[in-house]
Amino acid sequence: MESLYLLIPLAILIAAGIVWVFLWAVKSDQFEDLEGPAHRIIMEDDDKVEEKTDNKPEK
């Protein structure tokens, strides 16, 4: 029973911390564009590909 005096406030503090981190993430637009980075990986720019092949020294 004595352990509940420690565990209940500790659980409340942890829950408050999780809520605070979630609200911070929402306010700083962390969840704004979830699909954009995944599409950017697949759709590589042609200019960057040409730069990579043009800058190779010939031997």
PDB file of N, CA and C in Angstrom:
ATOM      1  N   MET A   1       0.814  -1.197   0.000  1.00  0.00           N
ATOM      2  CA  MET A   1       0.000   0.000   0.000  1.00  0.00           C
ATOM      3  C   MET A   1       0.855   1.258   0.000  1.00  0.00           C
ATOM      4  N   GLU A   2       2.006   1.195   0.690  1.00  0.00           N
ATOM      5  CA  GLU A   2       2.875   2.370   0.736  1.00  0.00           C
ATOM      6  C   GLU A   2       3.479   2.686  -0.626  1.00  0.00           C
ATOM      7  N   SER A   3       3.632   1.666  -1.450  1.00  0.00           N
ATOM      8  CA  SER A   3       4.224   1.906  -2.763  1.00  0.00           C
ATOM      9  C   SER A   3       3.301   2.729  -3.659  1.00  0.00           C
ATOM     10  N   LEU A   4       1.995   2.680  -3.388  1.00  0.00           N
ATOM     11  CA  LEU A   4       1.064   3.482  -4.178  1.00  0.00           C
ATOM     12  C   LEU A   4       1.282   4.977  -3.970  1.00  0.00           C
ATOM     13  N   TYR A   5       1.758   5.360  -2.790  1.00  0.00           N
ATOM     14  CA  TYR A   5       2.036   6.771  -2.525  1.00  0.00           C
ATOM     15  C   TYR A   5       3.169   7.282  -3.406  1.00  0.00           C
ATOM     16  N   LEU A   6       4.021   6.409  -3.862  1.00  0.00           N
ATOM     17  CA  LEU A   6       5.101   6.779  -4.775  1.00  0.00           C
ATOM     18  C   LEU A   6       4.687   6.582  -6.230  1.00  0.00           C
ATOM     19  N   LEU A   7       4.014   5.490  -6.530  1.00  0.00           N
ATOM     20  CA  LEU A   7       3.716   5.146  -7.912  1.00  0.00           C
ATOM     21  C   LEU A   7       2.648   6.032  -8.543  1.00  0.00           C
ATOM     22  N   ILE A   8       1.643   6.436  -7.804  1.00  0.00           N
ATOM     23  CA  ILE A   8       0.583   7.270  -8.381  1.00  0.00           C
ATOM     24  C   ILE A   8       1.106   8.652  -8.777  1.00  0.00           C
ATOM     25  N   PRO A   9       1.834   9.378  -7.919  1.00  0.00           N
ATOM     26  CA  PRO A   9       2.399  10.661  -8.373  1.00  0.00           C
ATOM     27  C   PRO A   9       3.416  10.487  -9.506  1.00  0.00           C
ATOM     28  N   LEU A  10       4.173   9.412  -9.457  1.00  0.00           N
ATOM     29  CA  LEU A  10       5.133   9.159 -10.528  1.00  0.00           C
ATOM     30  C   LEU A  10       4.419   8.914 -11.861  1.00  0.00           C
ATOM     31  N   ALA A  11       3.337   8.169 -11.839  1.00  0.00           N
ATOM     32  CA  ALA A  11       2.562   7.918 -13.052  1.00  0.00           C
ATOM     33  C   ALA A  11       1.924   9.208 -13.573  1.00  0.00           C
ATOM     34  N   ILE A  12       1.477  10.059 -12.674  1.00  0.00           N
ATOM     35  CA  ILE A  12       0.895  11.335 -13.092  1.00  0.00           C
ATOM     36  C   ILE A  12       1.954  12.219 -13.729  1.00  0.00           C
ATOM     37  N   LEU A  13       3.150  12.258 -13.166  1.00  0.00           N
ATOM     38  CA  LEU A  13       4.244  13.051 -13.745  1.00  0.00           C
ATOM     39  C   LEU A  13       4.647  12.528 -15.125  1.00  0.00           C
ATOM     40  N   ILE A  14       4.728  11.236 -15.277  1.00  0.00           N
ATOM     41  CA  ILE A  14       5.095  10.656 -16.565  1.00  0.00           C
ATOM     42  C   ILE A  14       4.009  10.943 -17.601  1.00  0.00           C
ATOM     43  N   ALA A  15       2.749  10.809 -17.231  1.00  0.00           N
ATOM     44  CA  ALA A  15       1.647  11.099 -18.149  1.00  0.00           C
ATOM     45  C   ALA A  15       1.652  12.574 -18.546  1.00  0.00           C
ATOM     46  N   ALA A  16       1.908  13.458 -17.590  1.00  0.00           N
ATOM     47  CA  ALA A  16       1.975  14.886 -17.903  1.00  0.00           C
ATOM     48  C   ALA A  16       3.131  15.176 -18.850  1.00  0.00           C
ATOM     49  N   GLY A  17       4.254  14.501 -18.666  1.00  0.00           N
ATOM     50  CA  GLY A  17       5.389  14.673 -19.571  1.00  0.00           C
ATOM     51  C   GLY A  17       5.081  14.206 -20.983  1.00  0.00           C
ATOM     52  N   ILE A  18       4.381  13.099 -21.100  1.00  0.00           N
ATOM     53  CA  ILE A  18       4.010  12.588 -22.425  1.00  0.00           C
ATOM     54  C   ILE A  18       3.049  13.560 -23.113  1.00  0.00           C
ATOM     55  N   VAL A  19       2.081  14.083 -22.369  1.00  0.00           N
ATOM     56  CA  VAL A  19       1.141  15.054 -22.939  1.00  0.00           C
ATOM     57  C   VAL A  19       1.881  16.303 -23.376  1.00  0.00           C
ATOM     58  N   TRP A  20       2.831  16.777 -22.572  1.00  0.00           N
ATOM     59  CA  TRP A  20       3.603  17.975 -22.914  1.00  0.00           C
ATOM     60  C   TRP A  20       4.415  17.762 -24.184  1.00  0.00           C
ATOM     61  N   VAL A  21       5.081  16.609 -24.322  1.00  0.00           N
ATOM     62  CA  VAL A  21       5.870  16.315 -25.520  1.00  0.00           C
ATOM     63  C   VAL A  21       4.961  16.239 -26.747  1.00  0.00           C
ATOM     64  N   PHE A  22       3.794  15.626 -26.614  1.00  0.00           N
ATOM     65  CA  PHE A  22       2.857  15.545 -27.726  1.00  0.00           C
ATOM     66  C   PHE A  22       2.385  16.928 -28.155  1.00  0.00           C
ATOM     67  N   LEU A  23       2.005  17.760 -27.194  1.00  0.00           N
ATOM     68  CA  LEU A  23       1.543  19.111 -27.530  1.00  0.00           C
ATOM     69  C   LEU A  23       2.658  19.937 -28.161  1.00  0.00           C
ATOM     70  N   TRP A  24       3.895  19.783 -27.691  1.00  0.00           N
ATOM     71  CA  TRP A  24       5.033  20.474 -28.302  1.00  0.00           C
ATOM     72  C   TRP A  24       5.208  20.041 -29.750  1.00  0.00           C
ATOM     73  N   ALA A  25       5.096  18.742 -30.026  1.00  0.00           N
ATOM     74  CA  ALA A  25       5.255  18.231 -31.378  1.00  0.00           C
ATOM     75  C   ALA A  25       4.154  18.758 -32.298  1.00  0.00           C
ATOM     76  N   VAL A  26       2.936  18.854 -31.802  1.00  0.00           N
ATOM     77  CA  VAL A  26       1.832  19.376 -32.612  1.00  0.00           C
ATOM     78  C   VAL A  26       2.036  20.860 -32.890  1.00  0.00           C
ATOM     79  N   LYS A  27       2.437  21.626 -31.896  1.00  0.00           N
ATOM     80  CA  LYS A  27       2.626  23.068 -32.076  1.00  0.00           C
ATOM     81  C   LYS A  27       3.808  23.389 -32.984  1.00  0.00           C
ATOM     82  N   SER A  28       4.825  22.535 -33.024  1.00  0.00           N
ATOM     83  CA  SER A  28       5.989  22.808 -33.869  1.00  0.00           C
ATOM     84  C   SER A  28       5.872  22.136 -35.233  1.00  0.00           C
ATOM     85  N   ASP A  29       4.660  21.730 -35.625  1.00  0.00           N
ATOM     86  CA  ASP A  29       4.344  21.183 -36.951  1.00  0.00           C
ATOM     87  C   ASP A  29       5.133  19.923 -37.284  1.00  0.00           C
ATOM     88  N   GLN A  30       5.356  19.070 -36.326  1.00  0.00           N
ATOM     89  CA  GLN A  30       6.051  17.811 -36.577  1.00  0.00           C
ATOM     90  C   GLN A  30       5.182  16.840 -37.373  1.00  0.00           C
ATOM     91  N   PHE A  31       3.874  16.980 -37.304  1.00  0.00           N
ATOM     92  CA  PHE A  31       2.957  16.072 -37.985  1.00  0.00           C
ATOM     93  C   PHE A  31       2.331  16.716 -39.216  1.00  0.00           C
ATOM     94  N   GLU A  32       2.925  17.785 -39.733  1.00  0.00           N
ATOM     95  CA  GLU A  32       2.331  18.537 -40.832  1.00  0.00           C
ATOM     96  C   GLU A  32       2.329  17.742 -42.141  1.00  0.00           C
ATOM     97  N   ASP A  33       3.464  17.192 -42.544  1.00  0.00           N
ATOM     98  CA  ASP A  33       3.572  16.494 -43.823  1.00  0.00           C
ATOM     99  C   ASP A  33       4.188  15.126 -43.580  1.00  0.00           C
ATOM    100  N   LEU A  34       3.349  14.108 -43.476  1.00  0.00           N
ATOM    101  CA  LEU A  34       3.842  12.769 -43.175  1.00  0.00           C
ATOM    102  C   LEU A  34       4.243  11.995 -44.425  1.00  0.00           C
ATOM    103  N   GLU A  35       3.674  12.339 -45.593  1.00  0.00           N
ATOM    104  CA  GLU A  35       3.953  11.581 -46.808  1.00  0.00           C
ATOM    105  C   GLU A  35       5.012  12.225 -47.685  1.00  0.00           C
ATOM    106  N   GLY A  36       5.278  13.495 -47.508  1.00  0.00           N
ATOM    107  CA  GLY A  36       6.225  14.210 -48.363  1.00  0.00           C
ATOM    108  C   GLY A  36       7.633  13.624 -48.363  1.00  0.00           C
ATOM    109  N   PRO A  37       8.256  13.387 -47.207  1.00  0.00           N
ATOM    110  CA  PRO A  37       9.607  12.834 -47.218  1.00  0.00           C
ATOM    111  C   PRO A  37       9.689  11.452 -47.870  1.00  0.00           C
ATOM    112  N   ALA A  38       8.648  10.642 -47.732  1.00  0.00           N
ATOM    113  CA  ALA A  38       8.662   9.320 -48.353  1.00  0.00           C
ATOM    114  C   ALA A  38       8.631   9.437 -49.877  1.00  0.00           C
ATOM    115  N   HIS A  39       7.880  10.407 -50.383  1.00  0.00           N
ATOM    116  CA  HIS A  39       7.814  10.590 -51.838  1.00  0.00           C
ATOM    117  C   HIS A  39       9.096  11.208 -52.371  1.00  0.00           C
ATOM    118  N   ARG A  40       9.747  12.058 -51.600  1.00  0.00           N
ATOM    119  CA  ARG A  40      10.989  12.686 -52.051  1.00  0.00           C
ATOM    120  C   ARG A  40      12.116  11.671 -52.205  1.00  0.00           C
ATOM    121  N   ILE A  41      12.100  10.625 -51.404  1.00  0.00           N
ATOM    122  CA  ILE A  41      13.129   9.595 -51.530  1.00  0.00           C
ATOM    123  C   ILE A  41      12.973   8.864 -52.857  1.00  0.00           C
ATOM    124  N   ILE A  42      11.740   8.574 -53.230  1.00  0.00           N
ATOM    125  CA  ILE A  42      11.479   7.831 -54.463  1.00  0.00           C
ATOM    126  C   ILE A  42      11.718   8.708 -55.686  1.00  0.00           C
ATOM    127  N   MET A  43      11.265   9.943 -55.647  1.00  0.00           N
ATOM    128  CA  MET A  43      11.380  10.858 -56.786  1.00  0.00           C
ATOM    129  C   MET A  43      12.661  11.672 -56.664  1.00  0.00           C
ATOM    130  N   GLU A  44      13.761  11.141 -57.147  1.00  0.00           N
ATOM    131  CA  GLU A  44      15.032  11.842 -57.068  1.00  0.00           C
ATOM    132  C   GLU A  44      15.106  12.869 -58.193  1.00  0.00           C
ATOM    133  N   ASP A  45      15.674  14.038 -57.904  1.00  0.00           N
ATOM    134  CA  ASP A  45      15.793  15.087 -58.907  1.00  0.00           C
ATOM    135  C   ASP A  45      16.777  14.672 -59.991  1.00  0.00           C
ATOM    136  N   ASP A  46      16.439  14.972 -61.254  1.00  0.00           N
ATOM    137  CA  ASP A  46      17.324  14.644 -62.370  1.00  0.00           C
ATOM    138  C   ASP A  46      18.599  15.481 -62.333  1.00  0.00           C
ATOM    139  N   ASP A  47      18.494  16.725 -61.845  1.00  0.00           N
ATOM    140  CA  ASP A  47      19.674  17.594 -61.787  1.00  0.00           C
ATOM    141  C   ASP A  47      20.739  17.020 -60.866  1.00  0.00           C
ATOM    142  N   LYS A  48      20.326  16.467 -59.771  1.00  0.00           N
ATOM    143  CA  LYS A  48      21.285  15.900 -58.831  1.00  0.00           C
ATOM    144  C   LYS A  48      21.949  14.656 -59.400  1.00  0.00           C
ATOM    145  N   VAL A  49      21.218  13.871 -60.176  1.00  0.00           N
ATOM    146  CA  VAL A  49      21.783  12.666 -60.784  1.00  0.00           C
ATOM    147  C   VAL A  49      22.826  13.057 -61.811  1.00  0.00           C
ATOM    148  N   GLU A  50      22.546  14.087 -62.628  1.00  0.00           N
ATOM    149  CA  GLU A  50      23.500  14.531 -63.633  1.00  0.00           C
ATOM    150  C   GLU A  50      24.754  15.104 -62.987  1.00  0.00           C
ATOM    151  N   GLU A  51      24.596  15.843 -61.885  1.00  0.00           N
ATOM    152  CA  GLU A  51      25.754  16.397 -61.192  1.00  0.00           C
ATOM    153  C   GLU A  51      26.644  15.292 -60.661  1.00  0.00           C
ATOM    154  N   LYS A  52      26.050  14.225 -60.153  1.00  0.00           N
ATOM    155  CA  LYS A  52      26.843  13.129 -59.614  1.00  0.00           C
ATOM    156  C   LYS A  52      27.640  12.446 -60.709  1.00  0.00           C
ATOM    157  N   THR A  53      27.075  12.286 -61.895  1.00  0.00           N
ATOM    158  CA  THR A  53      27.791  11.598 -62.974  1.00  0.00           C
ATOM    159  C   THR A  53      28.776  12.532 -63.655  1.00  0.00           C
ATOM    160  N   ASP A  54      28.525  13.834 -63.707  1.00  0.00           N
ATOM    161  CA  ASP A  54      29.430  14.785 -64.364  1.00  0.00           C
ATOM    162  C   ASP A  54      30.683  15.050 -63.555  1.00  0.00           C
ATOM    163  N   ASN A  55      30.632  14.945 -62.258  1.00  0.00           N
ATOM    164  CA  ASN A  55      31.769  15.307 -61.416  1.00  0.00           C
ATOM    165  C   ASN A  55      32.762  14.176 -61.205  1.00  0.00           C
ATOM    166  N   LYS A  56      32.550  13.026 -61.839  1.00  0.00           N
ATOM    167  CA  LYS A  56      33.488  11.937 -61.667  1.00  0.00           C
ATOM    168  C   LYS A  56      34.719  12.154 -62.537  1.00  0.00           C
ATOM    169  N   PRO A  57      35.912  12.083 -61.971  1.00  0.00           N
ATOM    170  CA  PRO A  57      37.116  12.249 -62.792  1.00  0.00           C
ATOM    171  C   PRO A  57      37.354  11.026 -63.683  1.00  0.00           C
ATOM    172  N   GLU A  58      37.805  11.283 -64.879  1.00  0.00           N
ATOM    173  CA  GLU A  58      38.096  10.180 -65.807  1.00  0.00           C
ATOM    174  C   GLU A  58      39.538   9.760 -65.662  1.00  0.00           C
ATOM    175  N   LYS A  59      39.796   8.458 -65.697  1.00  0.00           N
ATOM    176  CA  LYS A  59      41.167   7.948 -65.562  1.00  0.00           C
ATOM    177  C   LYS A  59      41.575   7.208 -66.796  1.00  0.00           C
TER     178      LYS A  59
END
